[in-house]
Amino acid sequence: MKNFISNLGYFLKEARTIFRIDFLSNVFSIFSIGLVFFILSMVISGWWISKEVVEVLQKEAEINIYFEENLEDLRIYNLMENIKNIKGVREAKLVDREESYRRMEEILDKEARILELFDENPFQPFIEVKIDIEQVDEILEDIKSLEDIDYIRDNKDIIDKLQKIITVLTIVGLLIITATGISTLVVISHIIRQGIYNNRDQINTLKLLGAPDSFIGFPFLLEGLFLTLVGGILAFGLIFFTFKLGYEQIGTALLFVPLPNMEVLVKTIGSFILILSGILGIIGSFFGLSSAKGN
């Protein structure tokens, strides 16, 4: 351990020298690795956001039941009681015309002025029903059998589609992680082998002087680790600026979709990318060293 610490300055100096020998190739490799990690990050972000949205929608799953116009208050009350007694219904609440109007004003925000074009309140009262999403089919069947029901609006199709998107993104994410790992290992392994070839005279001299393989190979391992870590940092920077510029626009475009906290999302994905880049850099360097040693 003491020998390693005392030689650390030499290792870093040699790693810098190896990097400079094939400078342009190494720089292009960093950008390539950074771009690959950035694409991986965006896929993971899409998967995470979709997963969060589905979980929130499932917890807040509700259906809106519109009843016949001019229905008497007593019959509305009886209808609500019948709905509450259905298995899987957690809550049933009457939303009158005024509250419907206020909700739409909040949703439209600055665009709410278009509601002023109507002479009368265009919204109808309805019953807002919180449900267990796992029992949505049975609940809908029971509600449809009740009298005085005019129309039922549910979000089941949206949730089903989001779940399919999550499945697709999970598969795509796993494929991209695999492709990222393989491509990064190949690139780093090739760079290490090329570096060993370019420095073969110095390596032979060190071997003649009795230097162990670990002493000779450690600067190359540092080079591979440096390339992937810088690529990971580059990807993290791209993620940060992409989310900073686009996350608010996504939230504005998808008013009804609850997005996860941007800061937590960026930090978690950034940490994952940096850890992954470090691991791949070390493994790729070992592959390059072992293949060069075998040859």
Foldseek 3Di string as FASTA:
>chain_A
DVVCVVCVVVLQVVLVVLCVVPVVLLVVLLQVLLVLLLVLLVLVQVLVFLVVQLVVCQQQFKKKWAFDPPDDPVVVVVLLVQLCPDPFWDDKDKDALVNVLVVVCVLCPVPNVVCVVDPDRPDHIIIIIGGRLVCVVVSVVSSVPDPRTDDMGGCNVVSVVSVVVSVVSVVVSVVSLVVSLVVLLVSLLVSLLVSCVVCVVVVVVCVVVPDDLCVVLSSSLVNLLVSLLSSLVSSLVVLVVCCVVPVVVVCSVCVPGDGPDPVVSSVVSSVVSNVVSNVSSNNSSVNNSVVSVVD
